[in-house]
């Protein structure tokens, strides 16, 4: 009897080992075959050590830098030019308008910066070109920084605040990440500050930087994963959370790259209708508009105007993603949910708000966004620029 049990156990172990080896071999063969047809995105599409900390409390691009963005699937070798004041190059801007005309300052995150887009393809550059073609002698300045939120927009205001004047417009661009990030910790009595006496006094367009020394960078130093990837071309997935594992697996393997986006959409369809609202920080929308209203007050004190722009994520504006994210429209009370929540707060704080939802709504998947990366693609940047140009032209008198 005992011998029979031992034989059964050895047989079960052997069968399990055979199944396991077969799975490993099968997955390896599938991975090799898929890699012949499926290009893998780069996990490092943006150079590290490009965004540094300013002593006034905000992150900014190191001045006078040039680099490229490349994720291998959506965009390749995209040039980026950063000027002496840490702002991104804007095409079509002429020196005469910059020297004396009204100005539009864009404060936002990676969507405003133009992640994956060249200097000339960013919507800030396209906006400048459209306004110039419309006979508006105005200069557009792109202060967008990837990876930041409204608290940083408030602090970044200190760089340009003392140079603002009548006719200038500060466009605060709120994305989905901004609106759902809790800012309850942000103190009501915080002030923007100078980094040196006489900063910018009497010098139009003077926006000095005071980078912390030694330089402190927004992105971490090189990790062992990055060094291993550079040597071997292989990415080790992150195992510190289920979300990070899913995100990194979609880059690390061809199987993951094909399967993970589909599994993610399936999860959205299957999860409970309250799942999004249950993880939304309490008061997130209210906290962010409290900060924006304080920015408006500071801008108004200099005689300039403020336009609050709500830029929706593709999970709302693209029919394909919205169908999954909203469980066929059953989750959110309005299709343009970001502006649905923003409108009453705009009225409460007497803010001039504008939604880009109508400009970006589409029934064609990824018409306005990079398929894998998710940021605005060139078509999306054009749509945003055209909508904003039409919104801004009445505010800028023709010469």
Protein backbone atom coordinates (compact mmCIF):
# COMPACT_ATOMS: atom_id res chain seq x y z
CA UNK A 1 0.00 0.00 0.00
CA UNK A 2 2.78 2.41 1.01
CA UNK A 3 4.69 1.59 -2.18
CA UNK A 4 1.59 2.35 -4.27
CA UNK A 5 1.22 5.77 -2.60
CA UNK A 6 4.89 6.59 -3.27
CA UNK A 7 4.54 5.55 -6.91
CA UNK A 8 1.39 7.73 -7.26
CA UNK A 9 3.18 10.73 -5.72
CA UNK A 10 6.19 10.32 -8.00
CA UNK A 11 3.85 10.02 -10.98
CA UNK A 12 1.96 13.19 -9.96
CA UNK A 13 5.22 15.12 -9.49
CA UNK A 14 6.50 13.89 -12.85
CA UNK A 15 3.24 14.87 -14.57
CA UNK A 16 3.31 18.31 -12.93
CA UNK A 17 6.92 18.81 -14.01
CA UNK A 18 6.07 17.80 -17.58
CA UNK A 19 3.12 20.21 -17.67
CA UNK A 20 5.26 23.01 -16.23
CA UNK A 21 8.11 22.41 -18.68
CA UNK A 22 5.64 22.21 -21.56
CA UNK A 23 4.13 25.55 -20.54
CA UNK A 24 7.55 27.18 -20.24
CA UNK A 25 8.67 25.82 -23.62
CA UNK A 26 5.36 26.79 -25.25
CA UNK A 27 5.43 30.31 -23.81
CA UNK A 28 9.07 30.73 -24.87
CA UNK A 29 8.28 29.66 -28.44
CA UNK A 30 5.25 31.97 -28.50
CA UNK A 31 7.35 34.86 -27.18
CA UNK A 32 10.01 34.31 -29.84
CA UNK A 33 7.42 34.13 -32.63
CA UNK A 34 5.56 37.23 -31.39
CA UNK A 35 8.78 39.23 -31.20
CA UNK A 36 9.21 38.70 -34.94
CA UNK A 37 5.98 40.64 -35.54
CA UNK A 38 5.32 42.72 -32.41
CA UNK A 39 7.77 45.59 -31.70
CA UNK A 40 8.25 46.15 -27.97
CA UNK A 41 8.06 49.70 -26.61
CA UNK A 42 11.00 51.16 -24.74
CA UNK A 43 10.42 51.62 -21.01
CA UNK A 44 12.77 54.62 -21.05
CA UNK A 45 11.27 56.91 -23.68
CA UNK A 46 12.30 60.04 -21.81
CA UNK A 47 15.86 60.83 -20.63
CA UNK A 48 16.50 60.88 -16.91
CA UNK A 49 18.16 63.94 -15.39
CA UNK A 50 16.32 66.52 -17.47
CA UNK A 51 13.88 67.98 -14.90
CA UNK A 52 15.47 69.67 -11.88
CA UNK A 53 14.17 71.33 -8.71
CA UNK A 54 13.98 75.10 -8.39
CA UNK A 55 14.48 76.63 -4.93
CA UNK A 56 11.05 78.30 -5.17
CA UNK A 57 9.43 74.88 -4.91
CA UNK A 58 8.78 73.68 -8.45
CA UNK A 59 10.21 71.30 -11.03
CA UNK A 60 11.51 72.73 -14.28
CA UNK A 61 13.53 71.57 -17.27
CA UNK A 62 17.20 72.31 -17.04
CA UNK A 63 17.80 75.30 -19.32
CA UNK A 64 19.37 75.13 -22.77
CA UNK A 65 18.89 71.39 -23.22
CA UNK A 66 18.23 69.30 -26.32
CA UNK A 67 17.20 65.65 -26.21
CA UNK A 68 14.95 63.15 -27.95
CA UNK A 69 11.92 61.08 -26.95
CA UNK A 70 11.55 57.57 -28.33
CA UNK A 71 9.28 54.72 -27.21
CA UNK A 72 9.90 52.66 -30.39
CA UNK A 73 6.24 52.05 -31.19
CA UNK A 74 4.37 55.38 -31.14
CA UNK A 75 7.16 57.89 -31.74
CA UNK A 76 10.82 57.66 -32.76
CA UNK A 77 13.65 60.16 -32.26
CA UNK A 78 11.35 63.10 -31.45
CA UNK A 79 13.39 66.29 -30.86
CA UNK A 80 12.89 68.46 -27.79
CA UNK A 81 14.44 71.91 -27.31
CA UNK A 82 14.45 73.66 -23.93
CA UNK A 83 15.20 77.37 -23.78
CA UNK A 84 17.24 79.39 -21.26
CA UNK A 85 14.18 79.89 -19.01
CA UNK A 86 13.29 76.17 -18.85
CA UNK A 87 10.34 76.45 -21.24
CA UNK A 88 9.91 74.34 -24.37
CA UNK A 89 10.54 75.80 -27.81
CA UNK A 90 7.40 77.13 -29.51
CA UNK A 91 7.33 77.38 -33.30
CA UNK A 92 6.07 80.44 -35.23
CA UNK A 93 6.78 82.86 -32.37
CA UNK A 94 8.28 86.08 -33.68
CA UNK A 95 10.56 88.34 -31.66
CA UNK A 96 8.40 91.44 -32.12
CA UNK A 97 5.31 89.85 -30.57
CA UNK A 98 7.34 88.38 -27.72
CA UNK A 99 8.92 91.77 -27.03
CA UNK A 100 5.77 93.88 -26.83
CA UNK A 101 2.53 91.97 -27.48
CA UNK A 102 0.26 90.06 -25.12
CA UNK A 103 1.41 86.61 -24.05
CA UNK A 104 -0.20 83.25 -23.33
CA UNK A 105 1.49 81.18 -20.64
CA UNK A 106 0.56 77.49 -20.61
CA UNK A 107 0.82 75.71 -17.26
CA UNK A 108 0.22 71.97 -17.42
CA UNK A 109 1.64 68.46 -17.37
CA UNK A 110 2.90 66.10 -20.07
CA UNK A 111 -0.14 66.70 -22.30
CA UNK A 112 0.68 70.42 -22.39
CA UNK A 113 4.41 69.78 -22.74
CA UNK A 114 3.68 67.52 -25.72
CA UNK A 115 4.95 64.09 -24.67
CA UNK A 116 5.83 62.14 -27.82
CA UNK A 117 5.47 65.22 -30.03
CA UNK A 118 8.21 67.27 -31.64
CA UNK A 119 8.70 70.94 -30.84
CA UNK A 120 6.69 71.95 -33.90
CA UNK A 121 3.97 69.30 -33.37
CA UNK A 122 3.10 70.23 -29.78
CA UNK A 123 -0.29 71.88 -29.47
CA UNK A 124 1.37 74.94 -27.92
CA UNK A 125 3.36 75.44 -31.13
CA UNK A 126 0.33 74.79 -33.31
CA UNK A 127 -1.67 77.27 -31.25
CA UNK A 128 1.00 79.91 -31.78
CA UNK A 129 0.99 79.32 -35.53
CA UNK A 130 -2.82 79.48 -35.76
CA UNK A 131 -3.03 82.71 -33.77
CA UNK A 132 -0.33 84.28 -35.89
CA UNK A 133 -2.16 83.23 -39.07
CA UNK A 134 -5.29 84.85 -37.61
CA UNK A 135 -3.43 88.15 -37.26
CA UNK A 136 -2.99 88.02 -33.48
CA UNK A 137 0.36 89.48 -32.41
CA UNK A 138 0.62 87.25 -29.35
CA UNK A 139 3.40 84.98 -28.08
CA UNK A 140 2.75 81.54 -26.59
CA UNK A 141 5.02 80.10 -23.90
CA UNK A 142 4.94 76.39 -23.02
CA UNK A 143 5.66 75.80 -19.32
CA UNK A 144 4.35 72.22 -19.36
CA UNK A 145 6.27 69.68 -17.24
CA UNK A 146 5.57 65.90 -17.37
CA UNK A 147 4.52 64.25 -14.14
CA UNK A 148 3.30 67.25 -12.13
CA UNK A 149 -0.08 68.43 -10.80
CA UNK A 150 -1.91 71.61 -9.77
CA UNK A 151 0.18 72.23 -6.65
CA UNK A 152 3.20 72.50 -8.94
CA UNK A 153 1.36 74.82 -11.31
CA UNK A 154 0.79 77.15 -8.37
CA UNK A 155 4.46 77.12 -7.39
CA UNK A 156 5.64 77.52 -11.00
CA UNK A 157 3.58 80.70 -11.22
CA UNK A 158 6.30 82.40 -9.17
CA UNK A 159 8.63 82.25 -12.18
CA UNK A 160 6.43 84.47 -14.36
CA UNK A 161 4.10 86.19 -11.89
CA UNK A 162 6.03 89.46 -11.54
CA UNK A 163 6.27 89.84 -15.30
CA UNK A 164 2.52 89.50 -15.95
CA UNK A 165 0.56 92.47 -17.15
CA UNK A 166 -2.62 93.62 -18.87
CA UNK A 167 -3.44 91.53 -21.94
CA UNK A 168 -1.50 88.48 -20.78
CA UNK A 169 -3.37 85.20 -20.30
CA UNK A 170 -2.38 82.29 -18.06
CA UNK A 171 -3.91 79.05 -19.37
CA UNK A 172 -4.11 76.43 -16.61
CA UNK A 173 -4.59 73.05 -18.32
CA UNK A 174 -6.20 70.43 -16.10
CA UNK A 175 -6.00 66.80 -17.16
CA UNK A 176 -7.68 63.77 -15.62
CA UNK A 177 -4.58 63.08 -13.49
CA UNK A 178 -4.79 66.60 -12.05
CA UNK A 179 -8.47 66.38 -11.19
CA UNK A 180 -8.31 63.03 -9.37
CA UNK A 181 -5.12 63.75 -7.41
CA UNK A 182 -5.91 64.70 -3.81
CA UNK A 183 -4.45 68.07 -2.75
CA UNK A 184 -5.94 68.36 0.72
CA UNK A 185 -2.42 68.64 2.14
CA UNK A 186 -1.67 71.83 0.17
CA UNK A 187 -1.73 74.73 2.71
CA UNK A 188 -4.00 77.71 2.12
CA UNK A 189 -1.43 80.25 3.29
CA UNK A 190 1.46 79.14 1.05
CA UNK A 191 3.01 81.93 -1.00
CA UNK A 192 4.96 82.00 -4.22
CA UNK A 193 8.36 83.51 -3.64
CA UNK A 194 11.37 85.06 -5.32
CA UNK A 195 14.71 83.34 -5.53
CA UNK A 196 16.67 86.60 -5.45
CA UNK A 197 16.07 90.28 -4.78
CA UNK A 198 15.04 92.28 -7.84
CA UNK A 199 14.10 89.15 -9.76
CA UNK A 200 12.61 90.19 -13.08
CA UNK A 201 11.96 93.78 -11.97
CA UNK A 202 11.50 95.99 -15.02
CA UNK A 203 12.75 93.37 -17.50
CA UNK A 204 10.04 91.97 -19.76
CA UNK A 205 10.47 88.28 -20.42
CA UNK A 206 13.00 87.84 -17.63
CA UNK A 207 12.14 84.59 -15.84
CA UNK A 208 15.34 83.49 -14.09
CA UNK A 209 15.78 80.01 -12.69
CA UNK A 210 17.29 79.24 -9.32
CA UNK A 211 18.02 75.52 -9.49
CA UNK A 212 18.86 73.84 -6.22
CA UNK A 213 22.54 72.97 -5.89
CA UNK A 214 23.66 70.27 -6.11
CA UNK A 215 21.02 69.52 -8.72
CA UNK A 216 18.06 67.43 -7.55
CA UNK A 217 16.26 65.63 -10.37
CA UNK A 218 12.61 64.65 -10.62
CA UNK A 219 13.42 61.23 -12.09
CA UNK A 220 15.42 58.80 -9.99
CA UNK A 221 19.03 57.97 -10.63
CA UNK A 222 19.85 55.04 -12.86
CA UNK A 223 18.46 51.80 -11.43
CA UNK A 224 19.78 48.27 -11.80
CA UNK A 225 16.78 47.57 -14.10
CA UNK A 226 17.86 50.39 -16.40
CA UNK A 227 21.49 49.25 -16.45
CA UNK A 228 20.43 45.63 -17.11
CA UNK A 229 18.08 46.77 -19.89
CA UNK A 230 20.82 48.79 -21.58
CA UNK A 231 23.23 45.83 -21.50
CA UNK A 232 20.80 43.10 -22.56
CA UNK A 233 17.72 44.71 -24.08
CA UNK A 234 15.62 42.77 -21.54
CA UNK A 235 13.36 44.47 -19.00
CA UNK A 236 12.74 42.85 -15.62
CA UNK A 237 9.10 43.49 -14.61
CA UNK A 238 8.36 45.29 -11.37
CA UNK A 239 6.80 43.13 -8.63
CA UNK A 240 6.12 45.79 -5.97
CA UNK A 241 2.42 46.01 -6.89
CA UNK A 242 -0.08 44.35 -9.19
CA UNK A 243 -0.51 47.56 -11.21
CA UNK A 244 3.24 48.07 -11.65
CA UNK A 245 3.64 44.44 -12.66
CA UNK A 246 0.88 44.73 -15.27
CA UNK A 247 2.32 47.99 -16.64
CA UNK A 248 5.88 46.67 -16.82
CA UNK A 249 4.81 43.28 -18.22
CA UNK A 250 3.18 45.13 -21.13
CA UNK A 251 6.69 46.37 -21.98
CA UNK A 252 8.89 43.50 -20.86
CA UNK A 253 7.43 40.74 -23.07
CA UNK A 254 5.66 40.50 -26.40
CA UNK A 255 3.03 38.26 -24.80
CA UNK A 256 2.40 40.88 -22.13
CA UNK A 257 2.39 43.67 -24.71
CA UNK A 258 -0.38 41.90 -26.63
CA UNK A 259 -2.35 40.56 -23.65
CA UNK A 260 -2.15 43.23 -20.92
CA UNK A 261 -4.06 46.05 -22.67
CA UNK A 262 -6.85 43.59 -23.52
CA UNK A 263 -6.94 42.22 -19.98
CA UNK A 264 -7.04 45.78 -18.64
CA UNK A 265 -10.07 46.63 -20.77
CA UNK A 266 -11.72 43.36 -19.72
CA UNK A 267 -11.11 44.27 -16.07
CA UNK A 268 -12.78 47.64 -16.57
CA UNK A 269 -15.83 45.90 -18.02
CA UNK A 270 -16.05 43.36 -15.18
CA UNK A 271 -15.24 45.49 -12.13
CA UNK A 272 -18.00 46.93 -9.98
CA UNK A 273 -19.65 50.18 -10.96
CA UNK A 274 -18.43 51.91 -7.79
CA UNK A 275 -14.79 50.84 -8.15
CA UNK A 276 -13.60 54.18 -9.54
CA UNK A 277 -15.51 56.30 -7.02
CA UNK A 278 -14.35 54.16 -4.09
CA UNK A 279 -10.68 54.91 -4.80
CA UNK A 280 -11.15 58.60 -5.69
CA UNK A 281 -9.64 60.74 -2.88
CA UNK A 282 -12.30 62.64 -0.98
CA UNK A 283 -12.53 66.25 -2.12
CA UNK A 284 -10.02 65.81 -4.95
CA UNK A 285 -11.92 67.97 -7.45
CA UNK A 286 -12.68 70.62 -4.84
CA UNK A 287 -9.07 70.77 -3.60
CA UNK A 288 -7.67 71.23 -7.10
CA UNK A 289 -10.08 74.03 -7.97
CA UNK A 290 -9.29 75.71 -4.65
CA UNK A 291 -5.65 75.89 -5.81
CA UNK A 292 -6.63 77.08 -9.29
CA UNK A 293 -8.80 79.85 -7.82
CA UNK A 294 -5.86 81.08 -5.77
CA UNK A 295 -3.76 81.14 -8.93
CA UNK A 296 -6.45 83.19 -10.66
CA UNK A 297 -6.38 85.72 -7.81
CA UNK A 298 -2.62 86.11 -8.05
CA UNK A 299 -2.76 86.50 -11.83
CA UNK A 300 -5.60 89.04 -11.58
CA UNK A 301 -3.57 91.08 -9.10
CA UNK A 302 -1.08 91.66 -11.92
CA UNK A 303 -3.79 92.75 -14.34
CA UNK A 304 -3.68 89.54 -16.41
CA UNK A 305 -6.40 87.03 -17.24
CA UNK A 306 -6.82 83.31 -16.55
CA UNK A 307 -8.38 80.57 -18.66
CA UNK A 308 -8.94 77.15 -17.10
CA UNK A 309 -8.79 74.42 -19.75
CA UNK A 310 -10.14 70.94 -18.97
CA UNK A 311 -8.44 68.39 -21.23
CA UNK A 312 -10.18 65.00 -20.98
CA UNK A 313 -8.43 61.65 -20.99
CA UNK A 314 -9.19 59.34 -23.91
CA UNK A 315 -11.12 57.08 -21.54
CA UNK A 316 -13.89 59.69 -21.89
CA UNK A 317 -13.41 61.20 -25.34
CA UNK A 318 -12.68 58.01 -27.33
CA UNK A 319 -15.75 55.77 -27.82
CA UNK A 320 -13.69 52.57 -27.68
CA UNK A 321 -12.11 53.25 -24.29
CA UNK A 322 -15.19 54.88 -22.82
CA UNK A 323 -17.29 51.80 -23.55
CA UNK A 324 -15.00 49.69 -21.37
CA UNK A 325 -14.12 52.26 -18.68
CA UNK A 326 -17.74 53.29 -18.14
CA UNK A 327 -19.22 49.80 -18.50
CA UNK A 328 -21.15 50.86 -21.62
CA UNK A 329 -22.05 54.24 -20.15
CA UNK A 330 -23.49 52.98 -16.87
CA UNK A 331 -20.85 54.34 -14.47
CA UNK A 332 -20.67 58.11 -15.02
CA UNK A 333 -23.61 60.54 -14.94
CA UNK A 334 -22.25 62.39 -18.01
CA UNK A 335 -19.99 61.44 -20.91
CA UNK A 336 -17.78 64.50 -20.33
CA UNK A 337 -17.45 63.59 -16.67
CA UNK A 338 -14.36 65.74 -15.98
CA UNK A 339 -16.18 68.91 -17.05
CA UNK A 340 -19.41 67.70 -15.45
CA UNK A 341 -17.57 67.84 -12.11
CA UNK A 342 -15.63 70.98 -13.00
CA UNK A 343 -18.55 73.19 -14.09
CA UNK A 344 -20.12 73.82 -10.65
CA UNK A 345 -16.66 74.48 -9.18
CA UNK A 346 -15.92 76.95 -11.97
CA UNK A 347 -19.14 78.79 -11.09
CA UNK A 348 -18.36 78.66 -7.39
CA UNK A 349 -14.92 80.21 -7.84
CA UNK A 350 -15.95 82.49 -10.75
CA UNK A 351 -13.44 80.87 -13.09
CA UNK A 352 -13.46 81.11 -16.88
CA UNK A 353 -13.44 77.40 -17.83
CA UNK A 354 -13.36 75.66 -21.19
CA UNK A 355 -13.67 71.96 -22.03
CA UNK A 356 -11.81 70.32 -24.91
CA UNK A 357 -14.14 67.31 -24.90
CA UNK A 358 -16.02 68.27 -28.07
CA UNK A 359 -12.72 68.81 -29.91
CA UNK A 360 -11.42 65.35 -28.95
CA UNK A 361 -14.57 63.21 -29.01
CA UNK A 362 -14.20 60.47 -31.60
CA UNK A 363 -15.76 57.19 -32.65
CA UNK A 364 -12.48 56.03 -34.22
CA UNK A 365 -10.12 54.30 -31.82
CA UNK A 366 -6.88 56.24 -31.17
CA UNK A 367 -7.72 58.93 -33.68
CA UNK A 368 -6.32 61.56 -31.32
CA UNK A 369 -4.00 59.55 -29.07
CA UNK A 370 -0.96 57.33 -29.36
CA UNK A 371 -2.23 53.75 -29.21
CA UNK A 372 0.18 52.48 -26.57
CA UNK A 373 1.42 55.66 -24.90
CA UNK A 374 -2.00 57.32 -24.59
CA UNK A 375 -0.83 60.94 -24.91
CA UNK A 376 -2.14 63.22 -27.66
CA UNK A 377 -0.78 62.31 -31.09
CA UNK A 378 -0.21 64.94 -33.83
CA UNK A 379 -3.89 64.82 -34.84
CA UNK A 380 -4.94 65.33 -31.23
CA UNK A 381 -2.54 68.27 -30.87
CA UNK A 382 -4.05 69.85 -33.98
CA UNK A 383 -7.58 69.41 -32.63
CA UNK A 384 -6.65 70.98 -29.29
CA UNK A 385 -4.82 73.89 -30.94
CA UNK A 386 -7.74 74.66 -33.25
CA UNK A 387 -10.29 74.60 -30.43
CA UNK A 388 -8.15 76.80 -28.21
CA UNK A 389 -7.35 79.22 -31.02
CA UNK A 390 -11.08 79.74 -31.62
CA UNK A 391 -11.62 80.19 -27.87
CA UNK A 392 -8.74 82.66 -27.45
CA UNK A 393 -9.09 84.82 -30.55
CA UNK A 394 -11.94 86.94 -29.10
CA UNK A 395 -9.76 87.63 -26.04
CA UNK A 396 -6.84 88.92 -28.09
CA UNK A 397 -7.52 92.08 -30.08
CA UNK A 398 -6.28 92.14 -33.66
CA UNK A 399 -3.64 94.82 -34.24
